[in-house]
PDB file of N, CA and C in Angstrom:
ATOM      1  N   UNK A   1       9.045  -0.699 -51.454  1.00  0.00           N
ATOM      2  CA  UNK A   1       9.183  -0.035 -50.311  1.00  0.00           C
ATOM      3  C   UNK A   1      10.445  -0.825 -49.459  1.00  0.00           C
ATOM      4  N   UNK A   2      11.424  -0.029 -49.114  1.00  0.00           N
ATOM      5  CA  UNK A   2      12.752  -0.686 -48.213  1.00  0.00           C
ATOM      6  C   UNK A   2      12.103  -1.288 -47.443  1.00  0.00           C
ATOM      7  N   UNK A   3      12.980  -2.522 -46.967  1.00  0.00           N
ATOM      8  CA  UNK A   3      12.514  -3.352 -45.840  1.00  0.00           C
ATOM      9  C   UNK A   3      13.317  -2.722 -44.448  1.00  0.00           C
ATOM     10  N   UNK A   4      12.357  -2.365 -43.557  1.00  0.00           N
ATOM     11  CA  UNK A   4      13.051  -1.954 -42.217  1.00  0.00           C
ATOM     12  C   UNK A   4      13.041  -3.053 -41.336  1.00  0.00           C
ATOM     13  N   UNK A   5      14.041  -2.861 -40.381  1.00  0.00           N
ATOM     14  CA  UNK A   5      14.018  -3.900 -39.327  1.00  0.00           C
ATOM     15  C   UNK A   5      14.281  -3.083 -37.949  1.00  0.00           C
ATOM     16  N   UNK A   6      13.708  -3.674 -36.991  1.00  0.00           N
ATOM     17  CA  UNK A   6      13.350  -3.172 -35.613  1.00  0.00           C
ATOM     18  C   UNK A   6      14.527  -3.350 -34.764  1.00  0.00           C
ATOM     19  N   UNK A   7      14.805  -2.733 -33.516  1.00  0.00           N
ATOM     20  CA  UNK A   7      15.767  -2.884 -32.515  1.00  0.00           C
ATOM     21  C   UNK A   7      15.539  -4.450 -32.230  1.00  0.00           C
ATOM     22  N   UNK A   8      14.513  -5.112 -31.895  1.00  0.00           N
ATOM     23  CA  UNK A   8      14.291  -6.346 -31.586  1.00  0.00           C
ATOM     24  C   UNK A   8      14.780  -7.294 -32.219  1.00  0.00           C
ATOM     25  N   UNK A   9      14.503  -7.147 -33.931  1.00  0.00           N
ATOM     26  CA  UNK A   9      14.801  -7.997 -34.589  1.00  0.00           C
ATOM     27  C   UNK A   9      16.451  -8.160 -34.786  1.00  0.00           C
ATOM     28  N   UNK A  10      17.236  -6.791 -34.938  1.00  0.00           N
ATOM     29  CA  UNK A  10      18.570  -6.944 -34.416  1.00  0.00           C
ATOM     30  C   UNK A  10      19.011  -7.467 -33.519  1.00  0.00           C
ATOM     31  N   UNK A  11      18.454  -7.219 -32.332  1.00  0.00           N
ATOM     32  CA  UNK A  11      18.750  -7.854 -30.991  1.00  0.00           C
ATOM     33  C   UNK A  11      18.894  -9.255 -31.226  1.00  0.00           C
ATOM     34  N   UNK A  12      17.817  -9.843 -31.804  1.00  0.00           N
ATOM     35  CA  UNK A  12      17.945 -11.453 -31.884  1.00  0.00           C
ATOM     36  C   UNK A  12      18.877 -12.025 -32.928  1.00  0.00           C
ATOM     37  N   UNK A  13      19.128 -11.075 -33.982  1.00  0.00           N
ATOM     38  CA  UNK A  13      20.104 -11.540 -35.022  1.00  0.00           C
ATOM     39  C   UNK A  13      21.540 -11.300 -34.627  1.00  0.00           C
ATOM     40  N   UNK A  14      21.878 -10.408 -33.811  1.00  0.00           N
ATOM     41  CA  UNK A  14      23.228 -10.107 -33.401  1.00  0.00           C
ATOM     42  C   UNK A  14      23.680 -10.648 -32.074  1.00  0.00           C
ATOM     43  N   UNK A  15      22.423 -10.870 -31.432  1.00  0.00           N
ATOM     44  CA  UNK A  15      23.202 -11.431 -29.840  1.00  0.00           C
ATOM     45  C   UNK A  15      23.187 -10.369 -28.826  1.00  0.00           C
ATOM     46  N   UNK A  16      22.596  -9.382 -29.188  1.00  0.00           N
ATOM     47  CA  UNK A  16      22.782  -8.167 -28.257  1.00  0.00           C
ATOM     48  C   UNK A  16      21.440  -7.729 -27.619  1.00  0.00           C
ATOM     49  N   UNK A  17      21.411  -7.336 -26.564  1.00  0.00           N
ATOM     50  CA  UNK A  17      20.359  -6.800 -25.976  1.00  0.00           C
ATOM     51  C   UNK A  17      19.714  -5.646 -26.599  1.00  0.00           C
ATOM     52  N   UNK A  18      18.451  -5.209 -26.310  1.00  0.00           N
ATOM     53  CA  UNK A  18      17.970  -3.965 -27.378  1.00  0.00           C
ATOM     54  C   UNK A  18      18.641  -2.791 -26.806  1.00  0.00           C
ATOM     55  N   UNK A  19      19.025  -2.533 -25.708  1.00  0.00           N
ATOM     56  CA  UNK A  19      19.937  -1.408 -25.495  1.00  0.00           C
ATOM     57  C   UNK A  19      21.388  -1.745 -25.670  1.00  0.00           C
ATOM     58  N   UNK A  20      21.643  -2.623 -26.201  1.00  0.00           N
ATOM     59  CA  UNK A  20      23.301  -2.944 -26.821  1.00  0.00           C
ATOM     60  C   UNK A  20      23.196  -2.568 -28.127  1.00  0.00           C
ATOM     61  N   UNK A  21      22.067  -2.967 -28.771  1.00  0.00           N
ATOM     62  CA  UNK A  21      21.767  -2.135 -30.412  1.00  0.00           C
ATOM     63  C   UNK A  21      21.858  -0.600 -30.104  1.00  0.00           C
ATOM     64  N   UNK A  22      21.126  -0.139 -29.348  1.00  0.00           N
ATOM     65  CA  UNK A  22      21.092   1.288 -29.212  1.00  0.00           C
ATOM     66  C   UNK A  22      22.501   1.870 -29.178  1.00  0.00           C
ATOM     67  N   UNK A  23      23.063   1.221 -28.330  1.00  0.00           N
ATOM     68  CA  UNK A  23      24.638   1.419 -27.874  1.00  0.00           C
ATOM     69  C   UNK A  23      25.468   1.321 -29.144  1.00  0.00           C
ATOM     70  N   UNK A  24      25.217   0.191 -29.687  1.00  0.00           N
ATOM     71  CA  UNK A  24      26.298  -0.102 -30.953  1.00  0.00           C
ATOM     72  C   UNK A  24      26.138   1.232 -32.163  1.00  0.00           C
ATOM     73  N   UNK A  25      24.865   1.454 -32.108  1.00  0.00           N
ATOM     74  CA  UNK A  25      24.131   2.399 -33.231  1.00  0.00           C
ATOM     75  C   UNK A  25      25.043   3.900 -32.808  1.00  0.00           C
ATOM     76  N   UNK A  26      24.900   4.137 -31.386  1.00  0.00           N
ATOM     77  CA  UNK A  26      25.722   5.646 -30.931  1.00  0.00           C
ATOM     78  C   UNK A  26      27.067   5.568 -30.855  1.00  0.00           C
ATOM     79  N   UNK A  27      27.612   4.268 -30.814  1.00  0.00           N
ATOM     80  CA  UNK A  27      29.001   3.969 -30.894  1.00  0.00           C
ATOM     81  C   UNK A  27      29.588   3.954 -32.656  1.00  0.00           C
ATOM     82  N   UNK A  28      28.736   3.877 -33.340  1.00  0.00           N
ATOM     83  CA  UNK A  28      28.899   3.641 -34.721  1.00  0.00           C
ATOM     84  C   UNK A  28      29.180   2.309 -35.169  1.00  0.00           C
ATOM     85  N   UNK A  29      28.823   1.345 -34.509  1.00  0.00           N
ATOM     86  CA  UNK A  29      28.989   0.083 -34.934  1.00  0.00           C
ATOM     87  C   UNK A  29      27.946  -0.411 -35.476  1.00  0.00           C
ATOM     88  N   UNK A  30      27.027   0.205 -35.723  1.00  0.00           N
ATOM     89  CA  UNK A  30      25.570  -0.071 -36.475  1.00  0.00           C
ATOM     90  C   UNK A  30      25.551   1.223 -37.256  1.00  0.00           C
ATOM     91  N   UNK A  31      24.804   1.264 -38.491  1.00  0.00           N
ATOM     92  CA  UNK A  31      24.575   2.601 -39.157  1.00  0.00           C
ATOM     93  C   UNK A  31      23.475   3.323 -38.552  1.00  0.00           C
ATOM     94  N   UNK A  32      23.358   4.517 -38.581  1.00  0.00           N
ATOM     95  CA  UNK A  32      22.485   5.521 -38.362  1.00  0.00           C
ATOM     96  C   UNK A  32      21.193   4.730 -38.450  1.00  0.00           C
ATOM     97  N   UNK A  33      19.925   4.787 -37.501  1.00  0.00           N
ATOM     98  CA  UNK A  33      19.001   4.369 -37.500  1.00  0.00           C
ATOM     99  C   UNK A  33      17.819   5.478 -38.152  1.00  0.00           C
ATOM    100  N   UNK A  34      17.009   5.201 -38.986  1.00  0.00           N
ATOM    101  CA  UNK A  34      15.987   6.125 -39.401  1.00  0.00           C
ATOM    102  C   UNK A  34      14.983   6.150 -38.090  1.00  0.00           C
ATOM    103  N   UNK A  35      14.183   7.309 -37.788  1.00  0.00           N
ATOM    104  CA  UNK A  35      13.341   7.448 -36.543  1.00  0.00           C
ATOM    105  C   UNK A  35      11.875   7.384 -37.222  1.00  0.00           C
ATOM    106  N   UNK A  36      11.039   6.777 -36.567  1.00  0.00           N
ATOM    107  CA  UNK A  36       9.628   6.783 -36.496  1.00  0.00           C
ATOM    108  C   UNK A  36       9.059   8.090 -36.100  1.00  0.00           C
ATOM    109  N   UNK A  37       7.596   8.443 -36.570  1.00  0.00           N
ATOM    110  CA  UNK A  37       7.126   9.526 -35.756  1.00  0.00           C
ATOM    111  C   UNK A  37       7.181   9.603 -34.347  1.00  0.00           C
ATOM    112  N   UNK A  38       7.187   8.231 -33.871  1.00  0.00           N
ATOM    113  CA  UNK A  38       7.169   8.208 -32.311  1.00  0.00           C
ATOM    114  C   UNK A  38       8.540   8.162 -31.780  1.00  0.00           C
ATOM    115  N   UNK A  39       9.456   8.287 -32.785  1.00  0.00           N
ATOM    116  CA  UNK A  39      10.984   8.108 -32.138  1.00  0.00           C
ATOM    117  C   UNK A  39      11.738   6.994 -32.066  1.00  0.00           C
ATOM    118  N   UNK A  40      10.962   5.974 -32.565  1.00  0.00           N
ATOM    119  CA  UNK A  40      11.611   4.709 -32.670  1.00  0.00           C
ATOM    120  C   UNK A  40      12.378   4.542 -33.638  1.00  0.00           C
ATOM    121  N   UNK A  41      13.524   3.594 -33.472  1.00  0.00           N
ATOM    122  CA  UNK A  41      14.706   3.160 -34.342  1.00  0.00           C
ATOM    123  C   UNK A  41      14.249   2.231 -35.401  1.00  0.00           C
ATOM    124  N   UNK A  42      14.405   2.520 -36.497  1.00  0.00           N
ATOM    125  CA  UNK A  42      14.414   1.562 -37.541  1.00  0.00           C
ATOM    126  C   UNK A  42      15.480   1.743 -38.695  1.00  0.00           C
ATOM    127  N   UNK A  43      16.123   0.610 -39.102  1.00  0.00           N
ATOM    128  CA  UNK A  43      17.058   0.459 -39.980  1.00  0.00           C
ATOM    129  C   UNK A  43      16.646   0.046 -41.225  1.00  0.00           C
ATOM    130  N   UNK A  44      17.158   0.196 -42.522  1.00  0.00           N
ATOM    131  CA  UNK A  44      17.118  -0.201 -43.851  1.00  0.00           C
ATOM    132  C   UNK A  44      18.075  -1.413 -43.626  1.00  0.00           C
ATOM    133  N   UNK A  45      17.292  -2.619 -43.855  1.00  0.00           N
ATOM    134  CA  UNK A  45      17.804  -3.945 -43.994  1.00  0.00           C
ATOM    135  C   UNK A  45      19.276  -3.930 -44.701  1.00  0.00           C
ATOM    136  N   UNK A  46      19.118  -3.279 -45.926  1.00  0.00           N
ATOM    137  CA  UNK A  46      20.165  -3.337 -46.770  1.00  0.00           C
ATOM    138  C   UNK A  46      21.281  -2.685 -46.260  1.00  0.00           C
ATOM    139  N   UNK A  47      20.972  -1.546 -45.603  1.00  0.00           N
ATOM    140  CA  UNK A  47      21.897  -0.579 -45.101  1.00  0.00           C
ATOM    141  C   UNK A  47      22.877  -1.468 -43.947  1.00  0.00           C
ATOM    142  N   UNK A  48      22.130  -2.304 -43.046  1.00  0.00           N
ATOM    143  CA  UNK A  48      22.678  -3.116 -42.210  1.00  0.00           C
ATOM    144  C   UNK A  48      23.376  -4.124 -42.531  1.00  0.00           C
ATOM    145  N   UNK A  49      22.973  -4.795 -43.598  1.00  0.00           N
ATOM    146  CA  UNK A  49      23.767  -5.805 -44.424  1.00  0.00           C
ATOM    147  C   UNK A  49      25.438  -5.216 -45.128  1.00  0.00           C
ATOM    148  N   UNK A  50      25.325  -4.020 -45.598  1.00  0.00           N
ATOM    149  CA  UNK A  50      26.380  -3.300 -46.222  1.00  0.00           C
ATOM    150  C   UNK A  50      27.265  -3.007 -45.034  1.00  0.00           C
ATOM    151  N   UNK A  51      26.770  -2.682 -43.915  1.00  0.00           N
ATOM    152  CA  UNK A  51      27.637  -1.876 -42.940  1.00  0.00           C
ATOM    153  C   UNK A  51      28.266  -3.090 -42.414  1.00  0.00           C
ATOM    154  N   UNK A  52      27.615  -4.269 -41.895  1.00  0.00           N
ATOM    155  CA  UNK A  52      28.315  -5.465 -41.396  1.00  0.00           C
ATOM    156  C   UNK A  52      29.437  -5.984 -42.322  1.00  0.00           C
ATOM    157  N   UNK A  53      29.096  -6.007 -43.699  1.00  0.00           N
ATOM    158  CA  UNK A  53      29.971  -6.593 -44.561  1.00  0.00           C
ATOM    159  C   UNK A  53      31.570  -5.645 -44.782  1.00  0.00           C
ATOM    160  N   UNK A  54      31.006  -4.541 -44.505  1.00  0.00           N
ATOM    161  CA  UNK A  54      32.357  -3.737 -44.657  1.00  0.00           C
ATOM    162  C   UNK A  54      33.375  -3.752 -43.518  1.00  0.00           C
ATOM    163  N   UNK A  55      32.349  -4.102 -42.305  1.00  0.00           N
ATOM    164  CA  UNK A  55      33.234  -4.143 -41.093  1.00  0.00           C
ATOM    165  C   UNK A  55      33.661  -5.672 -40.799  1.00  0.00           C
ATOM    166  N   UNK A  56      33.434  -6.728 -41.647  1.00  0.00           N
ATOM    167  CA  UNK A  56      33.764  -8.160 -41.657  1.00  0.00           C
ATOM    168  C   UNK A  56      33.164  -8.657 -40.619  1.00  0.00           C
ATOM    169  N   UNK A  57      31.935  -8.371 -39.957  1.00  0.00           N
ATOM    170  CA  UNK A  57      31.170  -8.886 -38.991  1.00  0.00           C
ATOM    171  C   UNK A  57      30.401  -9.854 -39.574  1.00  0.00           C
ATOM    172  N   UNK A  58      30.107 -10.978 -38.770  1.00  0.00           N
ATOM    173  CA  UNK A  58      29.238 -11.875 -39.508  1.00  0.00           C
ATOM    174  C   UNK A  58      27.732 -11.441 -39.901  1.00  0.00           C
ATOM    175  N   UNK A  59      27.206 -11.709 -40.866  1.00  0.00           N
ATOM    176  CA  UNK A  59      25.753 -11.421 -41.318  1.00  0.00           C
ATOM    177  C   UNK A  59      24.741 -12.513 -41.083  1.00  0.00           C
ATOM    178  N   UNK A  60      23.836 -12.373 -40.343  1.00  0.00           N
ATOM    179  CA  UNK A  60      22.878 -13.386 -40.175  1.00  0.00           C
ATOM    180  C   UNK A  60      22.165 -13.692 -41.272  1.00  0.00           C
ATOM    181  N   UNK A  61      21.816 -14.665 -41.850  1.00  0.00           N
ATOM    182  CA  UNK A  61      20.969 -15.231 -42.839  1.00  0.00           C
ATOM    183  C   UNK A  61      19.624 -14.627 -42.819  1.00  0.00           C
ATOM    184  N   UNK A  62      19.152 -14.534 -41.766  1.00  0.00           N
ATOM    185  CA  UNK A  62      17.625 -13.910 -41.456  1.00  0.00           C
ATOM    186  C   UNK A  62      17.710 -12.514 -42.087  1.00  0.00           C
ATOM    187  N   UNK A  63      18.764 -11.815 -41.713  1.00  0.00           N
ATOM    188  CA  UNK A  63      18.954 -10.166 -42.101  1.00  0.00           C
ATOM    189  C   UNK A  63      19.274 -10.232 -43.568  1.00  0.00           C
ATOM    190  N   UNK A  64      19.815 -11.158 -44.332  1.00  0.00           N
ATOM    191  CA  UNK A  64      20.244 -11.183 -45.411  1.00  0.00           C
ATOM    192  C   UNK A  64      18.731 -11.488 -46.395  1.00  0.00           C
ATOM    193  N   UNK A  65      17.977 -12.471 -45.621  1.00  0.00           N
ATOM    194  CA  UNK A  65      16.886 -12.608 -46.248  1.00  0.00           C
ATOM    195  C   UNK A  65      15.808 -11.432 -46.203  1.00  0.00           C
ATOM    196  N   UNK A  66      15.912 -10.660 -45.549  1.00  0.00           N
ATOM    197  CA  UNK A  66      15.078  -9.515 -45.351  1.00  0.00           C
ATOM    198  C   UNK A  66      15.740  -8.302 -46.250  1.00  0.00           C
ATOM    199  N   UNK A  67      16.944  -8.108 -46.413  1.00  0.00           N
ATOM    200  CA  UNK A  67      17.488  -7.313 -47.165  1.00  0.00           C
ATOM    201  C   UNK A  67      17.266  -7.524 -48.559  1.00  0.00           C
ATOM    202  N   UNK A  68      16.937  -8.822 -49.008  1.00  0.00           N
ATOM    203  CA  UNK A  68      17.026  -9.122 -50.530  1.00  0.00           C
ATOM    204  C   UNK A  68      15.217  -9.082 -50.863  1.00  0.00           C
ATOM    205  N   UNK A  69      14.378  -9.422 -49.883  1.00  0.00           N
ATOM    206  CA  UNK A  69      12.931  -9.666 -50.077  1.00  0.00           C
ATOM    207  C   UNK A  69      12.352  -8.398 -50.843  1.00  0.00           C
ATOM    208  N   UNK A  70      12.888  -7.450 -50.944  1.00  0.00           N
ATOM    209  CA  UNK A  70      12.120  -6.396 -51.651  1.00  0.00           C
ATOM    210  C   UNK A  70      13.041  -5.992 -52.822  1.00  0.00           C
ATOM    211  N   UNK A  71      14.212  -6.507 -52.945  1.00  0.00           N
ATOM    212  CA  UNK A  71      15.016  -6.046 -54.232  1.00  0.00           C
ATOM    213  C   UNK A  71      15.969  -4.949 -54.021  1.00  0.00           C
ATOM    214  N   UNK A  72      15.954  -4.255 -52.937  1.00  0.00           N
ATOM    215  CA  UNK A  72      16.749  -3.295 -52.675  1.00  0.00           C
ATOM    216  C   UNK A  72      17.915  -3.568 -52.132  1.00  0.00           C
ATOM    217  N   UNK A  73      18.534  -4.600 -51.896  1.00  0.00           N
ATOM    218  CA  UNK A  73      19.677  -5.218 -51.368  1.00  0.00           C
ATOM    219  C   UNK A  73      20.516  -5.965 -52.080  1.00  0.00           C
ATOM    220  N   UNK A  74      20.068  -6.216 -53.193  1.00  0.00           N
ATOM    221  CA  UNK A  74      20.676  -7.220 -54.318  1.00  0.00           C
ATOM    222  C   UNK A  74      22.001  -6.667 -54.492  1.00  0.00           C
ATOM    223  N   UNK A  75      22.101  -5.627 -54.691  1.00  0.00           N
ATOM    224  CA  UNK A  75      23.591  -5.000 -55.389  1.00  0.00           C
ATOM    225  C   UNK A  75      24.493  -4.822 -54.160  1.00  0.00           C
ATOM    226  N   UNK A  76      24.027  -4.617 -52.990  1.00  0.00           N
ATOM    227  CA  UNK A  76      24.738  -4.426 -51.897  1.00  0.00           C
ATOM    228  C   UNK A  76      25.296  -6.215 -51.676  1.00  0.00           C
ATOM    229  N   UNK A  77      24.422  -7.007 -51.628  1.00  0.00           N
ATOM    230  CA  UNK A  77      25.001  -8.445 -51.349  1.00  0.00           C
ATOM    231  C   UNK A  77      25.854  -8.875 -52.525  1.00  0.00           C
ATOM    232  N   UNK A  78      25.848  -8.685 -53.548  1.00  0.00           N
ATOM    233  CA  UNK A  78      26.656  -9.213 -54.716  1.00  0.00           C
ATOM    234  C   UNK A  78      27.923  -8.559 -54.643  1.00  0.00           C
ATOM    235  N   UNK A  79      28.183  -7.106 -54.213  1.00  0.00           N
ATOM    236  CA  UNK A  79      29.561  -6.596 -53.947  1.00  0.00           C
ATOM    237  C   UNK A  79      30.149  -7.105 -52.795  1.00  0.00           C
ATOM    238  N   UNK A  80      29.099  -7.634 -51.732  1.00  0.00           N
ATOM    239  CA  UNK A  80      29.996  -8.029 -50.388  1.00  0.00           C
ATOM    240  C   UNK A  80      30.678  -9.398 -50.585  1.00  0.00           C
ATOM    241  N   UNK A  81      29.790  -9.886 -51.470  1.00  0.00           N
ATOM    242  CA  UNK A  81      30.467 -11.518 -51.505  1.00  0.00           C
ATOM    243  C   UNK A  81      31.690 -11.834 -51.845  1.00  0.00           C
TER     244      UNK A  81
END
């Protein structure tokens, strides 16, 4: 199953407030989040890594670890390096 990350995790890793994470998504500076049945945002870790690598933004090591933990992000990471 793909690894999902929460707004709180992205907030810590990217140095933004939780509202800042939501605003970054709405402005297109983060990929679109999936929504839980309760309408909470969740991002695919590999999608965030891919998006940040395309924009040239720094990618936090903790996010890379989460993206590769389930094997779904390996191809993305090898292409981005």
